Amino acid sequence: MYNWTGRTISKDPFIVYKKKIKPSVPRIVSTIAYNSILLRESDQIKDLRLTINYLSE
């Protein structure tokens, strides 16, 4: 969420004087879901690599 806030401010730095910059609830929930899927896949890839290394020894 910090990256999203930073990108939003970098597009228009004076927006901080116009309104509060905070992500919406749907954006937060979708980011959590997206990150949990990515983490799960990266853990599965690590497990697969460890298994392949173990079997190749």
PDB file of N, CA and C in Angstrom:
ATOM      1  N   MET A   1       0.814  -1.178   0.000  1.00  0.00           N
ATOM      2  CA  MET A   1       0.000   0.000   0.000  1.00  0.00           C
ATOM      3  C   MET A   1       0.871   1.261   0.000  1.00  0.00           C
ATOM      4  N   TYR A   2       2.053   1.150   0.583  1.00  0.00           N
ATOM      5  CA  TYR A   2       2.961   2.304   0.552  1.00  0.00           C
ATOM      6  C   TYR A   2       3.395   2.606  -0.879  1.00  0.00           C
ATOM      7  N   ASN A   3       3.626   1.559  -1.667  1.00  0.00           N
ATOM      8  CA  ASN A   3       4.010   1.776  -3.066  1.00  0.00           C
ATOM      9  C   ASN A   3       2.899   2.471  -3.830  1.00  0.00           C
ATOM     10  N   TRP A   4       1.656   2.045  -3.603  1.00  0.00           N
ATOM     11  CA  TRP A   4       0.518   2.677  -4.276  1.00  0.00           C
ATOM     12  C   TRP A   4       0.427   4.148  -3.887  1.00  0.00           C
ATOM     13  N   THR A   5       0.571   4.432  -2.594  1.00  0.00           N
ATOM     14  CA  THR A   5       0.502   5.820  -2.126  1.00  0.00           C
ATOM     15  C   THR A   5       1.620   6.647  -2.748  1.00  0.00           C
ATOM     16  N   GLY A   6       2.824   6.089  -2.786  1.00  0.00           N
ATOM     17  CA  GLY A   6       3.955   6.798  -3.379  1.00  0.00           C
ATOM     18  C   GLY A   6       3.760   7.085  -4.857  1.00  0.00           C
ATOM     19  N   ARG A   7       3.245   6.093  -5.594  1.00  0.00           N
ATOM     20  CA  ARG A   7       2.987   6.308  -7.029  1.00  0.00           C
ATOM     21  C   ARG A   7       1.921   7.371  -7.240  1.00  0.00           C
ATOM     22  N   THR A   8       0.886   7.356  -6.401  1.00  0.00           N
ATOM     23  CA  THR A   8      -0.190   8.344  -6.530  1.00  0.00           C
ATOM     24  C   THR A   8       0.331   9.750  -6.273  1.00  0.00           C
ATOM     25  N   ILE A   9       1.151   9.898  -5.251  1.00  0.00           N
ATOM     26  CA  ILE A   9       1.708  11.214  -4.930  1.00  0.00           C
ATOM     27  C   ILE A   9       2.709  11.647  -5.997  1.00  0.00           C
ATOM     28  N   SER A  10       3.485  10.704  -6.538  1.00  0.00           N
ATOM     29  CA  SER A  10       4.478  11.084  -7.550  1.00  0.00           C
ATOM     30  C   SER A  10       3.815  11.570  -8.841  1.00  0.00           C
ATOM     31  N   LYS A  11       2.608  11.078  -9.123  1.00  0.00           N
ATOM     32  CA  LYS A  11       1.893  11.558 -10.312  1.00  0.00           C
ATOM     33  C   LYS A  11       1.471  13.013 -10.154  1.00  0.00           C
ATOM     34  N   ASP A  12       1.051  13.392  -8.944  1.00  0.00           N
ATOM     35  CA  ASP A  12       0.598  14.762  -8.681  1.00  0.00           C
ATOM     36  C   ASP A  12       0.950  15.111  -7.236  1.00  0.00           C
ATOM     37  N   PRO A  13       2.148  15.664  -6.979  1.00  0.00           N
ATOM     38  CA  PRO A  13       2.577  15.935  -5.608  1.00  0.00           C
ATOM     39  C   PRO A  13       1.654  16.873  -4.830  1.00  0.00           C
ATOM     40  N   PHE A  14       0.958  17.752  -5.513  1.00  0.00           N
ATOM     41  CA  PHE A  14       0.104  18.706  -4.809  1.00  0.00           C
ATOM     42  C   PHE A  14      -1.241  18.112  -4.406  1.00  0.00           C
ATOM     43  N   ILE A  15      -1.449  16.851  -4.735  1.00  0.00           N
ATOM     44  CA  ILE A  15      -2.701  16.202  -4.355  1.00  0.00           C
ATOM     45  C   ILE A  15      -2.821  16.080  -2.835  1.00  0.00           C
ATOM     46  N   VAL A  16      -1.672  16.074  -2.150  1.00  0.00           N
ATOM     47  CA  VAL A  16      -1.720  15.961  -0.686  1.00  0.00           C
ATOM     48  C   VAL A  16      -2.347  17.191  -0.047  1.00  0.00           C
ATOM     49  N   TYR A  17      -2.346  18.300  -0.755  1.00  0.00           N
ATOM     50  CA  TYR A  17      -2.999  19.500  -0.237  1.00  0.00           C
ATOM     51  C   TYR A  17      -4.491  19.518  -0.560  1.00  0.00           C
ATOM     52  N   LYS A  18      -4.906  18.701  -1.545  1.00  0.00           N
ATOM     53  CA  LYS A  18      -6.301  18.689  -1.971  1.00  0.00           C
ATOM     54  C   LYS A  18      -7.143  17.689  -1.187  1.00  0.00           C
ATOM     55  N   LYS A  19      -6.579  16.509  -0.911  1.00  0.00           N
ATOM     56  CA  LYS A  19      -7.342  15.465  -0.229  1.00  0.00           C
ATOM     57  C   LYS A  19      -6.402  14.476   0.434  1.00  0.00           C
ATOM     58  N   LYS A  20      -6.975  13.622   1.275  1.00  0.00           N
ATOM     59  CA  LYS A  20      -6.194  12.560   1.896  1.00  0.00           C
ATOM     60  C   LYS A  20      -5.906  11.487   0.853  1.00  0.00           C
ATOM     61  N   ILE A  21      -4.719  10.961   0.917  1.00  0.00           N
ATOM     62  CA  ILE A  21      -4.331   9.898  -0.001  1.00  0.00           C
ATOM     63  C   ILE A  21      -4.312   8.601   0.789  1.00  0.00           C
ATOM     64  N   LYS A  22      -5.333   7.787   0.575  1.00  0.00           N
ATOM     65  CA  LYS A  22      -5.368   6.482   1.217  1.00  0.00           C
ATOM     66  C   LYS A  22      -6.086   5.509   0.299  1.00  0.00           C
ATOM     67  N   PRO A  23      -5.652   4.255   0.305  1.00  0.00           N
ATOM     68  CA  PRO A  23      -6.266   3.266  -0.582  1.00  0.00           C
ATOM     69  C   PRO A  23      -7.673   2.906  -0.114  1.00  0.00           C
ATOM     70  N   SER A  24      -8.507   2.529  -1.052  1.00  0.00           N
ATOM     71  CA  SER A  24      -9.864   2.112  -0.712  1.00  0.00           C
ATOM     72  C   SER A  24      -9.836   0.697  -0.127  1.00  0.00           C
ATOM     73  N   VAL A  25     -10.910   0.336   0.542  1.00  0.00           N
ATOM     74  CA  VAL A  25     -11.002  -1.000   1.139  1.00  0.00           C
ATOM     75  C   VAL A  25     -10.909  -2.093   0.067  1.00  0.00           C
ATOM     76  N   PRO A  26     -11.611  -1.971  -1.067  1.00  0.00           N
ATOM     77  CA  PRO A  26     -11.446  -3.007  -2.103  1.00  0.00           C
ATOM     78  C   PRO A  26     -10.005  -3.127  -2.613  1.00  0.00           C
ATOM     79  N   ARG A  27      -9.295  -2.014  -2.709  1.00  0.00           N
ATOM     80  CA  ARG A  27      -7.893  -2.074  -3.140  1.00  0.00           C
ATOM     81  C   ARG A  27      -7.053  -2.829  -2.110  1.00  0.00           C
ATOM     82  N   ILE A  28      -7.288  -2.591  -0.844  1.00  0.00           N
ATOM     83  CA  ILE A  28      -6.539  -3.269   0.212  1.00  0.00           C
ATOM     84  C   ILE A  28      -6.815  -4.767   0.175  1.00  0.00           C
ATOM     85  N   VAL A  29      -8.087  -5.143   0.082  1.00  0.00           N
ATOM     86  CA  VAL A  29      -8.460  -6.560   0.071  1.00  0.00           C
ATOM     87  C   VAL A  29      -7.902  -7.256  -1.163  1.00  0.00           C
ATOM     88  N   SER A  30      -7.995  -6.618  -2.317  1.00  0.00           N
ATOM     89  CA  SER A  30      -7.476  -7.249  -3.533  1.00  0.00           C
ATOM     90  C   SER A  30      -5.955  -7.383  -3.485  1.00  0.00           C
ATOM     91  N   THR A  31      -5.275  -6.421  -2.894  1.00  0.00           N
ATOM     92  CA  THR A  31      -3.819  -6.512  -2.761  1.00  0.00           C
ATOM     93  C   THR A  31      -3.427  -7.648  -1.823  1.00  0.00           C
ATOM     94  N   ILE A  32      -4.169  -7.803  -0.732  1.00  0.00           N
ATOM     95  CA  ILE A  32      -3.903  -8.905   0.200  1.00  0.00           C
ATOM     96  C   ILE A  32      -4.090 -10.242  -0.506  1.00  0.00           C
ATOM     97  N   ALA A  33      -5.173 -10.378  -1.257  1.00  0.00           N
ATOM     98  CA  ALA A  33      -5.431 -11.628  -1.980  1.00  0.00           C
ATOM     99  C   ALA A  33      -4.338 -11.896  -3.009  1.00  0.00           C
ATOM    100  N   TYR A  34      -3.966 -10.889  -3.759  1.00  0.00           N
ATOM    101  CA  TYR A  34      -2.929 -11.031  -4.782  1.00  0.00           C
ATOM    102  C   TYR A  34      -1.596 -11.444  -4.155  1.00  0.00           C
ATOM    103  N   ASN A  35      -1.214 -10.774  -3.072  1.00  0.00           N
ATOM    104  CA  ASN A  35       0.058 -11.092  -2.424  1.00  0.00           C
ATOM    105  C   ASN A  35       0.043 -12.487  -1.809  1.00  0.00           C
ATOM    106  N   SER A  36      -1.089 -12.910  -1.260  1.00  0.00           N
ATOM    107  CA  SER A  36      -1.141 -14.245  -0.665  1.00  0.00           C
ATOM    108  C   SER A  36      -0.997 -15.322  -1.736  1.00  0.00           C
ATOM    109  N   ILE A  37      -1.558 -15.077  -2.920  1.00  0.00           N
ATOM    110  CA  ILE A  37      -1.399 -16.036  -4.019  1.00  0.00           C
ATOM    111  C   ILE A  37       0.056 -16.076  -4.467  1.00  0.00           C
ATOM    112  N   LEU A  38       0.690 -14.920  -4.588  1.00  0.00           N
ATOM    113  CA  LEU A  38       2.098 -14.885  -5.000  1.00  0.00           C
ATOM    114  C   LEU A  38       2.992 -15.582  -3.989  1.00  0.00           C
ATOM    115  N   LEU A  39       2.748 -15.351  -2.698  1.00  0.00           N
ATOM    116  CA  LEU A  39       3.567 -15.984  -1.667  1.00  0.00           C
ATOM    117  C   LEU A  39       3.377 -17.494  -1.678  1.00  0.00           C
ATOM    118  N   ARG A  40       2.148 -17.937  -1.862  1.00  0.00           N
ATOM    119  CA  ARG A  40       1.880 -19.373  -1.899  1.00  0.00           C
ATOM    120  C   ARG A  40       2.608 -20.008  -3.070  1.00  0.00           C
ATOM    121  N   GLU A  41       2.573 -19.369  -4.232  1.00  0.00           N
ATOM    122  CA  GLU A  41       3.252 -19.909  -5.408  1.00  0.00           C
ATOM    123  C   GLU A  41       4.764 -19.911  -5.221  1.00  0.00           C
ATOM    124  N   SER A  42       5.306 -18.859  -4.607  1.00  0.00           N
ATOM    125  CA  SER A  42       6.756 -18.821  -4.417  1.00  0.00           C
ATOM    126  C   SER A  42       7.196 -19.893  -3.427  1.00  0.00           C
ATOM    127  N   ASP A  43       6.372 -20.177  -2.406  1.00  0.00           N
ATOM    128  CA  ASP A  43       6.695 -21.254  -1.471  1.00  0.00           C
ATOM    129  C   ASP A  43       6.664 -22.603  -2.172  1.00  0.00           C
ATOM    130  N   GLN A  44       5.708 -22.803  -3.062  1.00  0.00           N
ATOM    131  CA  GLN A  44       5.624 -24.058  -3.798  1.00  0.00           C
ATOM    132  C   GLN A  44       6.826 -24.223  -4.714  1.00  0.00           C
ATOM    133  N   ILE A  45       7.273 -23.154  -5.320  1.00  0.00           N
ATOM    134  CA  ILE A  45       8.447 -23.220  -6.194  1.00  0.00           C
ATOM    135  C   ILE A  45       9.690 -23.552  -5.379  1.00  0.00           C
ATOM    136  N   LYS A  46       9.826 -22.945  -4.191  1.00  0.00           N
ATOM    137  CA  LYS A  46      10.968 -23.257  -3.327  1.00  0.00           C
ATOM    138  C   LYS A  46      10.955 -24.727  -2.938  1.00  0.00           C
ATOM    139  N   ASP A  47       9.774 -25.249  -2.560  1.00  0.00           N
ATOM    140  CA  ASP A  47       9.668 -26.657  -2.186  1.00  0.00           C
ATOM    141  C   ASP A  47      10.042 -27.562  -3.351  1.00  0.00           C
ATOM    142  N   LEU A  48       9.608 -27.207  -4.543  1.00  0.00           N
ATOM    143  CA  LEU A  48       9.923 -28.003  -5.721  1.00  0.00           C
ATOM    144  C   LEU A  48      11.422 -27.994  -5.993  1.00  0.00           C
ATOM    145  N   ARG A  49      12.058 -26.846  -5.865  1.00  0.00           N
ATOM    146  CA  ARG A  49      13.512 -26.762  -6.080  1.00  0.00           C
ATOM    147  C   ARG A  49      14.265 -27.594  -5.053  1.00  0.00           C
ATOM    148  N   LEU A  50      13.833 -27.531  -3.787  1.00  0.00           N
ATOM    149  CA  LEU A  50      14.484 -28.328  -2.752  1.00  0.00           C
ATOM    150  C   LEU A  50      14.334 -29.816  -3.039  1.00  0.00           C
ATOM    151  N   THR A  51      13.165 -30.221  -3.492  1.00  0.00           N
ATOM    152  CA  THR A  51      12.928 -31.625  -3.810  1.00  0.00           C
ATOM    153  C   THR A  51      13.802 -32.067  -4.974  1.00  0.00           C
ATOM    154  N   ILE A  52      13.887 -31.245  -5.998  1.00  0.00           N
ATOM    155  CA  ILE A  52      14.719 -31.586  -7.159  1.00  0.00           C
ATOM    156  C   ILE A  52      16.180 -31.681  -6.751  1.00  0.00           C
ATOM    157  N   ASN A  53      16.654 -30.756  -5.943  1.00  0.00           N
ATOM    158  CA  ASN A  53      18.045 -30.800  -5.483  1.00  0.00           C
ATOM    159  C   ASN A  53      18.299 -32.038  -4.638  1.00  0.00           C
ATOM    160  N   TYR A  54      17.341 -32.391  -3.795  1.00  0.00           N
ATOM    161  CA  TYR A  54      17.492 -33.564  -2.935  1.00  0.00           C
ATOM    162  C   TYR A  54      17.539 -34.837  -3.772  1.00  0.00           C
ATOM    163  N   LEU A  55      16.672 -34.918  -4.773  1.00  0.00           N
ATOM    164  CA  LEU A  55      16.620 -36.115  -5.606  1.00  0.00           C
ATOM    165  C   LEU A  55      17.829 -36.230  -6.524  1.00  0.00           C
ATOM    166  N   SER A  56      18.430 -35.117  -6.885  1.00  0.00           N
ATOM    167  CA  SER A  56      19.575 -35.170  -7.794  1.00  0.00           C
ATOM    168  C   SER A  56      20.873 -35.538  -7.081  1.00  0.00           C
ATOM    169  N   GLU A  57      20.867 -35.508  -5.767  1.00  0.00           N
ATOM    170  CA  GLU A  57      22.096 -35.849  -5.018  1.00  0.00           C
ATOM    171  C   GLU A  57      22.297 -37.321  -4.868  1.00  0.00           C
TER     172      GLU A  57
END
